[in-house]
Amino acid sequence: MKTKRKGGSRGKIRVALIGAGSMANNVHYPSLAEFDDVELVGLCDLVPEKLENTAQRFGIRRTFNDFRAMLEATKPDAVYALMPPHHLFDVAMAVLQAGHDLFVEKPPALTSFQTECLAKAAADAGAVTGVGFQRRYHPLFVQCWNETRKHGPLHQVVATFYKNQEPARVHQYYRGAIDILTSDAIHAVDAMRYFAGGDVVSVASDVRKIDSWYNTCFNALVTFSTGATGVLLTNWRTGSRRLTLELHAPGASAFANADGLGEVWADNAKEPTLRLTHTEAAGSESGHVHQGFRAQARAFIDAVKTRRQPHNTIADAYKTMRLVDLIYQNAINVSQNGAHLKRTRQAAHV
C-alpha cells in the first residue's frame, strides 16, 4: 500500500480526471474548479475533441489518452473516474490498486458483487472513496431532513423518481449494458435508504414492464432496522420527470421536490416551519450547487485531506446495490397486461 500524500504545492489536493463527458463538464469538474485547495493535474479521455475542449475549459495543462500513463506522470492524491458503468470496473480497480483515492459516478459497478470487489480493494489500499449519490447532499433535502428530525426519529420515508421515456427497440441505457433501476432509478433507492437510516430488514416489491419489452416501473416497501418504513415509487412511463422525497417523524412531515419547493409541517400548524425552493436552500441558481454536486465534491476532498471516509463510500454503495438486488428478488412479477405471474418473498439484512 502506498503512503498517502499530503497534497501538492501550497497544500492543494492533486486530482487527476478520467472522462470528459457531459456529467463531468456540467457538474463534477465545475464543482472541483471552485475549490482553492484543489489542483486539476491531468485529464484523460479517448476522444480528442472532448479531451481538448474540457482541458481548455478548466485550465488543465496535461492531457492523456492512457489513464495509467496519467497516473504515473501526475502522481495525484485522488482520481475522478467518470464513465459509463460497463467501462468503469477495470479502470476503478486499477486506480485503487495503484493506491489512489477514488470518486466514481453512480452506479459504482454493474453488479453488487463487482461493487463488493471494489470496496475490498479500497479497504486493502486504505483508499478514501466516494460514489455520486448527490441527493444525499441536496441542500433542500438535507434542510428538510434536519428540520423534520427535530421532532423525533423518522418512521416513514417515501422516495419517488418519475420519467417519461418512450419504449425503444434498443434499450436506452447503453444498449442494455445495464437496467433502469441499477443505472438511474437507483438515485431514489439510495435516497430512501440513506434518509431512513439503518439496515434493510425486509423487502416487498413490484417490478413491471408497462408497455415495453423491458422493465420500466419499480415499486418497493422496505423495512429498516431503525424502525422506519421506506416506500419506493419509480416509473419511466409517466407524464414528466420528477424526483421527490417525503420524510415523516412523530408530528412532523417534510415534502420536497428536488427541482422545486420543500416544506416541513408540524403539529397541525397553519403554516409550515420551513418553506423554501431548491435554489433558495442552496443560495444558488447553478445546477451543480442546488443539486448537491458541489457539496458532495467538498465532502470528498475534505475526506481525502482528513483520511475520514464520507458517508457515500463504495462500501456503503454496496448496500444500495444489494437493496436493488432484493427489489428484483422479492418482486411480484407482472406481465404487460397486468396479470400476476408469481410472487416470491425474502427477508435479508443488508
Foldseek 3Di string as FASTA:
>chain_A
DDDQDQDDPPRAFEEEEEDQDDCCQAFQVVLQLPDPRYDHAEYEDQDVVSQVVSCVVSVHDYYYPDVVVVCVVRVGQAYEHEDAQAPQLVVLLVCLLVLHAYEYEPPNHQALVSLVVSVVSNVVSLHFYFYHLQQVQQLQVVVQLVVQCVQPAWAEKEKEWEAADDADPADPRVSPPHDCVRGPVLSRLVVQDVSNDAKWWWKAWAWADAPYPDTFWIWMWTAHPVNHIYTYTYGHNDDHTWIWMWTHDVFKIWTATLQFKIFMCGDPDPGTPDIDTLCVSQVHPRPSRSSRVSVSSVQRSVCSNVSPYDCRGSVNSSSSSVVVVNSVVQHQYAYNVGDGDDGDTDTDID
